[in-house]
Amino acid sequence: METRVAVISIIVENEKVIEELNHLLHENGKYIIGRMGIPYREKGINIISIAIDAPQDIISALSGKIGRLKGVSTKTAYSNVITKATV
């Protein structure tokens, strides 16, 4: 199995989904390298960036689940770094 390094950028406009978002991230915590969250209070949004090293299907599934949350936008940028997963 191969893994890729990617960054998932998330903009949360609906604070009611933050608990569900955190649950999704917790479920995939073993793949997450780091997380940065910035509350932009003046605009009433939260900006979150997730660095992840996982199989591409895991990254795509997570990004898709996050993007389906009401009031949440997400984009994923993939690196060209592909490595064999260690067991």
PDB file of N, CA and C in Angstrom:
ATOM      1  N   MET A   1       0.845  -1.180   0.000  1.00  0.00           N
ATOM      2  CA  MET A   1       0.000   0.000   0.000  1.00  0.00           C
ATOM      3  C   MET A   1       0.889   1.242   0.000  1.00  0.00           C
ATOM      4  N   GLU A   2       0.478   2.235  -0.766  1.00  0.00           N
ATOM      5  CA  GLU A   2       1.218   3.488  -0.863  1.00  0.00           C
ATOM      6  C   GLU A   2       0.459   4.609  -0.169  1.00  0.00           C
ATOM      7  N   THR A   3       1.217   5.566   0.373  1.00  0.00           N
ATOM      8  CA  THR A   3       0.603   6.746   0.976  1.00  0.00           C
ATOM      9  C   THR A   3       1.077   7.992   0.255  1.00  0.00           C
ATOM     10  N   ARG A   4       0.287   9.032   0.366  1.00  0.00           N
ATOM     11  CA  ARG A   4       0.630  10.335  -0.210  1.00  0.00           C
ATOM     12  C   ARG A   4       0.554  11.379   0.883  1.00  0.00           C
ATOM     13  N   VAL A   5       1.320  12.413   0.704  1.00  0.00           N
ATOM     14  CA  VAL A   5       1.252  13.561   1.605  1.00  0.00           C
ATOM     15  C   VAL A   5       0.345  14.592   0.939  1.00  0.00           C
ATOM     16  N   ALA A   6      -0.565  15.138   1.726  1.00  0.00           N
ATOM     17  CA  ALA A   6      -1.510  16.115   1.190  1.00  0.00           C
ATOM     18  C   ALA A   6      -1.865  17.130   2.269  1.00  0.00           C
ATOM     19  N   VAL A   7      -2.483  18.212   1.835  1.00  0.00           N
ATOM     20  CA  VAL A   7      -3.010  19.218   2.738  1.00  0.00           C
ATOM     21  C   VAL A   7      -4.483  19.392   2.415  1.00  0.00           C
ATOM     22  N   ILE A   8      -5.318  19.274   3.444  1.00  0.00           N
ATOM     23  CA  ILE A   8      -6.757  19.511   3.287  1.00  0.00           C
ATOM     24  C   ILE A   8      -7.046  20.876   3.908  1.00  0.00           C
ATOM     25  N   SER A   9      -7.526  21.796   3.098  1.00  0.00           N
ATOM     26  CA  SER A   9      -7.898  23.130   3.572  1.00  0.00           C
ATOM     27  C   SER A   9      -9.401  23.172   3.787  1.00  0.00           C
ATOM     28  N   ILE A  10      -9.793  23.677   4.950  1.00  0.00           N
ATOM     29  CA  ILE A  10     -11.207  23.655   5.340  1.00  0.00           C
ATOM     30  C   ILE A  10     -11.624  25.050   5.798  1.00  0.00           C
ATOM     31  N   ILE A  11     -12.774  25.510   5.314  1.00  0.00           N
ATOM     32  CA  ILE A  11     -13.372  26.750   5.805  1.00  0.00           C
ATOM     33  C   ILE A  11     -14.732  26.394   6.389  1.00  0.00           C
ATOM     34  N   VAL A  12     -14.891  26.706   7.673  1.00  0.00           N
ATOM     35  CA  VAL A  12     -16.129  26.384   8.385  1.00  0.00           C
ATOM     36  C   VAL A  12     -16.921  27.671   8.593  1.00  0.00           C
ATOM     37  N   GLU A  13     -18.101  27.736   7.989  1.00  0.00           N
ATOM     38  CA  GLU A  13     -18.987  28.883   8.139  1.00  0.00           C
ATOM     39  C   GLU A  13     -20.131  28.594   9.099  1.00  0.00           C
ATOM     40  N   ASN A  14     -20.310  27.323   9.455  1.00  0.00           N
ATOM     41  CA  ASN A  14     -21.410  26.885  10.315  1.00  0.00           C
ATOM     42  C   ASN A  14     -20.822  26.219  11.559  1.00  0.00           C
ATOM     43  N   GLU A  15     -20.799  26.942  12.664  1.00  0.00           N
ATOM     44  CA  GLU A  15     -20.182  26.420  13.886  1.00  0.00           C
ATOM     45  C   GLU A  15     -20.890  25.192  14.435  1.00  0.00           C
ATOM     46  N   LYS A  16     -22.119  24.932  14.029  1.00  0.00           N
ATOM     47  CA  LYS A  16     -22.882  23.790  14.533  1.00  0.00           C
ATOM     48  C   LYS A  16     -22.299  22.447  14.085  1.00  0.00           C
ATOM     49  N   VAL A  17     -21.446  22.446  13.048  1.00  0.00           N
ATOM     50  CA  VAL A  17     -20.883  21.189  12.543  1.00  0.00           C
ATOM     51  C   VAL A  17     -19.474  20.918  13.073  1.00  0.00           C
ATOM     52  N   ILE A  18     -18.967  21.783  13.927  1.00  0.00           N
ATOM     53  CA  ILE A  18     -17.585  21.623  14.401  1.00  0.00           C
ATOM     54  C   ILE A  18     -17.393  20.310  15.152  1.00  0.00           C
ATOM     55  N   GLU A  19     -18.363  19.905  15.955  1.00  0.00           N
ATOM     56  CA  GLU A  19     -18.244  18.647  16.689  1.00  0.00           C
ATOM     57  C   GLU A  19     -18.159  17.459  15.725  1.00  0.00           C
ATOM     58  N   GLU A  20     -18.983  17.474  14.689  1.00  0.00           N
ATOM     59  CA  GLU A  20     -18.954  16.399  13.697  1.00  0.00           C
ATOM     60  C   GLU A  20     -17.643  16.417  12.913  1.00  0.00           C
ATOM     61  N   LEU A  21     -17.152  17.608  12.591  1.00  0.00           N
ATOM     62  CA  LEU A  21     -15.866  17.744  11.906  1.00  0.00           C
ATOM     63  C   LEU A  21     -14.741  17.167  12.768  1.00  0.00           C
ATOM     64  N   ASN A  22     -14.721  17.526  14.043  1.00  0.00           N
ATOM     65  CA  ASN A  22     -13.693  17.005  14.943  1.00  0.00           C
ATOM     66  C   ASN A  22     -13.772  15.485  15.056  1.00  0.00           C
ATOM     67  N   HIS A  23     -14.980  14.930  15.030  1.00  0.00           N
ATOM     68  CA  HIS A  23     -15.140  13.479  15.074  1.00  0.00           C
ATOM     69  C   HIS A  23     -14.515  12.827  13.836  1.00  0.00           C
ATOM     70  N   LEU A  24     -14.761  13.396  12.658  1.00  0.00           N
ATOM     71  CA  LEU A  24     -14.173  12.863  11.428  1.00  0.00           C
ATOM     72  C   LEU A  24     -12.646  12.911  11.484  1.00  0.00           C
ATOM     73  N   LEU A  25     -12.107  14.023  11.982  1.00  0.00           N
ATOM     74  CA  LEU A  25     -10.655  14.154  12.086  1.00  0.00           C
ATOM     75  C   LEU A  25     -10.092  13.167  13.101  1.00  0.00           C
ATOM     76  N   HIS A  26     -10.796  12.976  14.210  1.00  0.00           N
ATOM     77  CA  HIS A  26     -10.348  12.030  15.233  1.00  0.00           C
ATOM     78  C   HIS A  26     -10.311  10.607  14.678  1.00  0.00           C
ATOM     79  N   GLU A  27     -11.309  10.235  13.878  1.00  0.00           N
ATOM     80  CA  GLU A  27     -11.357   8.903  13.270  1.00  0.00           C
ATOM     81  C   GLU A  27     -10.138   8.637  12.391  1.00  0.00           C
ATOM     82  N   ASN A  28      -9.576   9.683  11.806  1.00  0.00           N
ATOM     83  CA  ASN A  28      -8.433   9.548  10.903  1.00  0.00           C
ATOM     84  C   ASN A  28      -7.142  10.079  11.523  1.00  0.00           C
ATOM     85  N   GLY A  29      -7.138  10.193  12.834  1.00  0.00           N
ATOM     86  CA  GLY A  29      -6.018  10.780  13.551  1.00  0.00           C
ATOM     87  C   GLY A  29      -4.686  10.103  13.309  1.00  0.00           C
ATOM     88  N   LYS A  30      -4.696   8.791  13.043  1.00  0.00           N
ATOM     89  CA  LYS A  30      -3.426   8.090  12.839  1.00  0.00           C
ATOM     90  C   LYS A  30      -2.718   8.530  11.561  1.00  0.00           C
ATOM     91  N   TYR A  31      -3.442   9.174  10.646  1.00  0.00           N
ATOM     92  CA  TYR A  31      -2.858   9.644   9.395  1.00  0.00           C
ATOM     93  C   TYR A  31      -2.465  11.121   9.444  1.00  0.00           C
ATOM     94  N   ILE A  32      -3.001  11.856  10.406  1.00  0.00           N
ATOM     95  CA  ILE A  32      -2.802  13.309  10.442  1.00  0.00           C
ATOM     96  C   ILE A  32      -1.426  13.646  11.002  1.00  0.00           C
ATOM     97  N   ILE A  33      -0.670  14.413  10.235  1.00  0.00           N
ATOM     98  CA  ILE A  33       0.664  14.860  10.634  1.00  0.00           C
ATOM     99  C   ILE A  33       0.540  16.069  11.551  1.00  0.00           C
ATOM    100  N   GLY A  34      -0.349  16.992  11.196  1.00  0.00           N
ATOM    101  CA  GLY A  34      -0.538  18.199  11.987  1.00  0.00           C
ATOM    102  C   GLY A  34      -1.794  18.935  11.568  1.00  0.00           C
ATOM    103  N   ARG A  35      -2.193  19.848  12.430  1.00  0.00           N
ATOM    104  CA  ARG A  35      -3.440  20.595  12.214  1.00  0.00           C
ATOM    105  C   ARG A  35      -3.234  22.024  12.692  1.00  0.00           C
ATOM    106  N   MET A  36      -3.728  22.967  11.903  1.00  0.00           N
ATOM    107  CA  MET A  36      -3.674  24.374  12.304  1.00  0.00           C
ATOM    108  C   MET A  36      -5.068  24.961  12.117  1.00  0.00           C
ATOM    109  N   GLY A  37      -5.573  25.591  13.162  1.00  0.00           N
ATOM    110  CA  GLY A  37      -6.877  26.222  13.082  1.00  0.00           C
ATOM    111  C   GLY A  37      -6.779  27.701  13.399  1.00  0.00           C
ATOM    112  N   ILE A  38      -7.446  28.500  12.601  1.00  0.00           N
ATOM    113  CA  ILE A  38      -7.435  29.950  12.787  1.00  0.00           C
ATOM    114  C   ILE A  38      -8.876  30.446  12.847  1.00  0.00           C
ATOM    115  N   PRO A  39      -9.316  30.929  14.010  1.00  0.00           N
ATOM    116  CA  PRO A  39     -10.649  31.539  14.059  1.00  0.00           C
ATOM    117  C   PRO A  39     -10.582  32.956  13.493  1.00  0.00           C
ATOM    118  N   TYR A  40     -11.387  33.236  12.511  1.00  0.00           N
ATOM    119  CA  TYR A  40     -11.441  34.577  11.916  1.00  0.00           C
ATOM    120  C   TYR A  40     -12.731  35.210  12.423  1.00  0.00           C
ATOM    121  N   ARG A  41     -12.656  35.731  13.624  1.00  0.00           N
ATOM    122  CA  ARG A  41     -13.845  36.217  14.330  1.00  0.00           C
ATOM    123  C   ARG A  41     -14.570  37.347  13.596  1.00  0.00           C
ATOM    124  N   GLU A  42     -13.812  38.217  12.956  1.00  0.00           N
ATOM    125  CA  GLU A  42     -14.433  39.347  12.250  1.00  0.00           C
ATOM    126  C   GLU A  42     -15.376  38.880  11.144  1.00  0.00           C
ATOM    127  N   LYS A  43     -15.056  37.736  10.549  1.00  0.00           N
ATOM    128  CA  LYS A  43     -15.878  37.203   9.463  1.00  0.00           C
ATOM    129  C   LYS A  43     -16.791  36.066   9.927  1.00  0.00           C
ATOM    130  N   GLY A  44     -16.613  35.608  11.166  1.00  0.00           N
ATOM    131  CA  GLY A  44     -17.449  34.538  11.704  1.00  0.00           C
ATOM    132  C   GLY A  44     -17.163  33.171  11.095  1.00  0.00           C
ATOM    133  N   ILE A  45     -15.908  32.941  10.692  1.00  0.00           N
ATOM    134  CA  ILE A  45     -15.538  31.655  10.103  1.00  0.00           C
ATOM    135  C   ILE A  45     -14.308  31.089  10.807  1.00  0.00           C
ATOM    136  N   ASN A  46     -14.062  29.814  10.573  1.00  0.00           N
ATOM    137  CA  ASN A  46     -12.850  29.158  11.049  1.00  0.00           C
ATOM    138  C   ASN A  46     -12.118  28.593   9.847  1.00  0.00           C
ATOM    139  N   ILE A  47     -10.813  28.780   9.817  1.00  0.00           N
ATOM    140  CA  ILE A  47      -9.972  28.284   8.736  1.00  0.00           C
ATOM    141  C   ILE A  47      -9.087  27.199   9.328  1.00  0.00           C
ATOM    142  N   ILE A  48      -9.147  26.002   8.752  1.00  0.00           N
ATOM    143  CA  ILE A  48      -8.400  24.862   9.284  1.00  0.00           C
ATOM    144  C   ILE A  48      -7.572  24.257   8.157  1.00  0.00           C
ATOM    145  N   SER A  49      -6.346  23.896   8.484  1.00  0.00           N
ATOM    146  CA  SER A  49      -5.458  23.239   7.537  1.00  0.00           C
ATOM    147  C   SER A  49      -4.980  21.933   8.161  1.00  0.00           C
ATOM    148  N   ILE A  50      -5.139  20.833   7.438  1.00  0.00           N
ATOM    149  CA  ILE A  50      -4.764  19.510   7.920  1.00  0.00           C
ATOM    150  C   ILE A  50      -3.672  18.953   7.015  1.00  0.00           C
ATOM    151  N   ALA A  51      -2.515  18.624   7.591  1.00  0.00           N
ATOM    152  CA  ALA A  51      -1.466  17.917   6.854  1.00  0.00           C
ATOM    153  C   ALA A  51      -1.661  16.436   7.129  1.00  0.00           C
ATOM    154  N   ILE A  52      -1.671  15.626   6.071  1.00  0.00           N
ATOM    155  CA  ILE A  52      -2.011  14.212   6.206  1.00  0.00           C
ATOM    156  C   ILE A  52      -1.094  13.357   5.333  1.00  0.00           C
ATOM    157  N   ASP A  53      -0.763  12.172   5.823  1.00  0.00           N
ATOM    158  CA  ASP A  53       0.014  11.180   5.071  1.00  0.00           C
ATOM    159  C   ASP A  53      -0.775   9.880   5.142  1.00  0.00           C
ATOM    160  N   ALA A  54      -1.470   9.549   4.049  1.00  0.00           N
ATOM    161  CA  ALA A  54      -2.391   8.412   4.054  1.00  0.00           C
ATOM    162  C   ALA A  54      -2.551   7.883   2.632  1.00  0.00           C
ATOM    163  N   PRO A  55      -3.145   6.700   2.489  1.00  0.00           N
ATOM    164  CA  PRO A  55      -3.496   6.237   1.144  1.00  0.00           C
ATOM    165  C   PRO A  55      -4.450   7.244   0.480  1.00  0.00           C
ATOM    166  N   GLN A  56      -4.317   7.378  -0.821  1.00  0.00           N
ATOM    167  CA  GLN A  56      -5.100   8.388  -1.529  1.00  0.00           C
ATOM    168  C   GLN A  56      -6.596   8.198  -1.326  1.00  0.00           C
ATOM    169  N   ASP A  57      -7.079   6.967  -1.260  1.00  0.00           N
ATOM    170  CA  ASP A  57      -8.520   6.758  -1.075  1.00  0.00           C
ATOM    171  C   ASP A  57      -8.988   7.232   0.298  1.00  0.00           C
ATOM    172  N   ILE A  58      -8.129   7.129   1.315  1.00  0.00           N
ATOM    173  CA  ILE A  58      -8.473   7.629   2.660  1.00  0.00           C
ATOM    174  C   ILE A  58      -8.560   9.154   2.634  1.00  0.00           C
ATOM    175  N   ILE A  59      -7.590   9.789   1.971  1.00  0.00           N
ATOM    176  CA  ILE A  59      -7.583  11.256   1.884  1.00  0.00           C
ATOM    177  C   ILE A  59      -8.825  11.744   1.140  1.00  0.00           C
ATOM    178  N   SER A  60      -9.118  11.121   0.017  1.00  0.00           N
ATOM    179  CA  SER A  60     -10.285  11.526  -0.782  1.00  0.00           C
ATOM    180  C   SER A  60     -11.587  11.326  -0.009  1.00  0.00           C
ATOM    181  N   ALA A  61     -11.695  10.198   0.689  1.00  0.00           N
ATOM    182  CA  ALA A  61     -12.916   9.921   1.456  1.00  0.00           C
ATOM    183  C   ALA A  61     -13.088  10.935   2.581  1.00  0.00           C
ATOM    184  N   LEU A  62     -12.011  11.237   3.294  1.00  0.00           N
ATOM    185  CA  LEU A  62     -12.091  12.208   4.387  1.00  0.00           C
ATOM    186  C   LEU A  62     -12.477  13.581   3.853  1.00  0.00           C
ATOM    187  N   SER A  63     -11.817  14.015   2.791  1.00  0.00           N
ATOM    188  CA  SER A  63     -12.132  15.317   2.209  1.00  0.00           C
ATOM    189  C   SER A  63     -13.581  15.380   1.745  1.00  0.00           C
ATOM    190  N   GLY A  64     -14.068  14.303   1.150  1.00  0.00           N
ATOM    191  CA  GLY A  64     -15.454  14.252   0.701  1.00  0.00           C
ATOM    192  C   GLY A  64     -16.450  14.329   1.848  1.00  0.00           C
ATOM    193  N   LYS A  65     -16.175  13.587   2.917  1.00  0.00           N
ATOM    194  CA  LYS A  65     -17.064  13.620   4.092  1.00  0.00           C
ATOM    195  C   LYS A  65     -17.094  15.009   4.712  1.00  0.00           C
ATOM    196  N   ILE A  66     -15.931  15.644   4.796  1.00  0.00           N
ATOM    197  CA  ILE A  66     -15.860  16.998   5.358  1.00  0.00           C
ATOM    198  C   ILE A  66     -16.628  17.970   4.463  1.00  0.00           C
ATOM    199  N   GLY A  67     -16.442  17.853   3.157  1.00  0.00           N
ATOM    200  CA  GLY A  67     -17.099  18.748   2.206  1.00  0.00           C
ATOM    201  C   GLY A  67     -18.610  18.621   2.189  1.00  0.00           C
ATOM    202  N   ARG A  68     -19.132  17.478   2.631  1.00  0.00           N
ATOM    203  CA  ARG A  68     -20.583  17.287   2.669  1.00  0.00           C
ATOM    204  C   ARG A  68     -21.229  17.870   3.923  1.00  0.00           C
ATOM    205  N   LEU A  69     -20.424  18.321   4.868  1.00  0.00           N
ATOM    206  CA  LEU A  69     -20.989  18.972   6.055  1.00  0.00           C
ATOM    207  C   LEU A  69     -21.579  20.318   5.646  1.00  0.00           C
ATOM    208  N   LYS A  70     -22.754  20.627   6.172  1.00  0.00           N
ATOM    209  CA  LYS A  70     -23.433  21.876   5.812  1.00  0.00           C
ATOM    210  C   LYS A  70     -22.637  23.079   6.308  1.00  0.00           C
ATOM    211  N   GLY A  71     -22.325  23.998   5.405  1.00  0.00           N
ATOM    212  CA  GLY A  71     -21.602  25.205   5.771  1.00  0.00           C
ATOM    213  C   GLY A  71     -20.096  25.029   5.828  1.00  0.00           C
ATOM    214  N   VAL A  72     -19.591  23.981   5.179  1.00  0.00           N
ATOM    215  CA  VAL A  72     -18.154  23.710   5.180  1.00  0.00           C
ATOM    216  C   VAL A  72     -17.668  23.589   3.736  1.00  0.00           C
ATOM    217  N   SER A  73     -16.545  24.246   3.432  1.00  0.00           N
ATOM    218  CA  SER A  73     -15.900  24.131   2.128  1.00  0.00           C
ATOM    219  C   SER A  73     -14.536  23.489   2.327  1.00  0.00           C
ATOM    220  N   THR A  74     -14.120  22.657   1.389  1.00  0.00           N
ATOM    221  CA  THR A  74     -12.817  21.999   1.501  1.00  0.00           C
ATOM    222  C   THR A  74     -12.165  21.833   0.133  1.00  0.00           C
ATOM    223  N   LYS A  75     -10.850  21.897   0.129  1.00  0.00           N
ATOM    224  CA  LYS A  75     -10.032  21.627  -1.060  1.00  0.00           C
ATOM    225  C   LYS A  75      -8.821  20.845  -0.598  1.00  0.00           C
ATOM    226  N   THR A  76      -8.359  19.942  -1.456  1.00  0.00           N
ATOM    227  CA  THR A  76      -7.208  19.119  -1.115  1.00  0.00           C
ATOM    228  C   THR A  76      -6.117  19.325  -2.151  1.00  0.00           C
ATOM    229  N   ALA A  77      -4.900  19.521  -1.666  1.00  0.00           N
ATOM    230  CA  ALA A  77      -3.725  19.625  -2.534  1.00  0.00           C
ATOM    231  C   ALA A  77      -2.816  18.435  -2.234  1.00  0.00           C
ATOM    232  N   TYR A  78      -2.495  17.665  -3.265  1.00  0.00           N
ATOM    233  CA  TYR A  78      -1.655  16.480  -3.113  1.00  0.00           C
ATOM    234  C   TYR A  78      -0.218  16.791  -3.504  1.00  0.00           C
ATOM    235  N   SER A  79       0.724  16.246  -2.744  1.00  0.00           N
ATOM    236  CA  SER A  79       2.125  16.351  -3.131  1.00  0.00           C
ATOM    237  C   SER A  79       2.447  15.190  -4.071  1.00  0.00           C
ATOM    238  N   ASN A  80       3.601  15.249  -4.663  1.00  0.00           N
ATOM    239  CA  ASN A  80       4.068  14.141  -5.496  1.00  0.00           C
ATOM    240  C   ASN A  80       4.852  13.120  -4.665  1.00  0.00           C
ATOM    241  N   VAL A  81       4.886  13.295  -3.361  1.00  0.00           N
ATOM    242  CA  VAL A  81       5.586  12.368  -2.466  1.00  0.00           C
ATOM    243  C   VAL A  81       4.695  11.166  -2.210  1.00  0.00           C
ATOM    244  N   ILE A  82       5.072  10.035  -2.777  1.00  0.00           N
ATOM    245  CA  ILE A  82       4.357   8.775  -2.604  1.00  0.00           C
ATOM    246  C   ILE A  82       5.334   7.773  -2.012  1.00  0.00           C
ATOM    247  N   THR A  83       4.958   7.157  -0.907  1.00  0.00           N
ATOM    248  CA  THR A  83       5.845   6.201  -0.248  1.00  0.00           C
ATOM    249  C   THR A  83       5.090   4.926   0.078  1.00  0.00           C
ATOM    250  N   LYS A  84       5.833   3.871   0.277  1.00  0.00           N
ATOM    251  CA  LYS A  84       5.249   2.602   0.724  1.00  0.00           C
ATOM    252  C   LYS A  84       4.871   2.767   2.193  1.00  0.00           C
ATOM    253  N   ALA A  85       3.680   2.331   2.544  1.00  0.00           N
ATOM    254  CA  ALA A  85       3.224   2.427   3.931  1.00  0.00           C
ATOM    255  C   ALA A  85       3.974   1.399   4.764  1.00  0.00           C
ATOM    256  N   THR A  86       4.357   1.799   5.977  1.00  0.00           N
ATOM    257  CA  THR A  86       4.988   0.865   6.899  1.00  0.00           C
ATOM    258  C   THR A  86       3.900   0.242   7.756  1.00  0.00           C
ATOM    259  N   VAL A  87       4.039  -1.021   8.006  1.00  0.00           N
ATOM    260  CA  VAL A  87       3.012  -1.741   8.778  1.00  0.00           C
ATOM    261  C   VAL A  87       3.246  -1.622  10.252  1.00  0.00           C
TER     262      VAL A  87
END
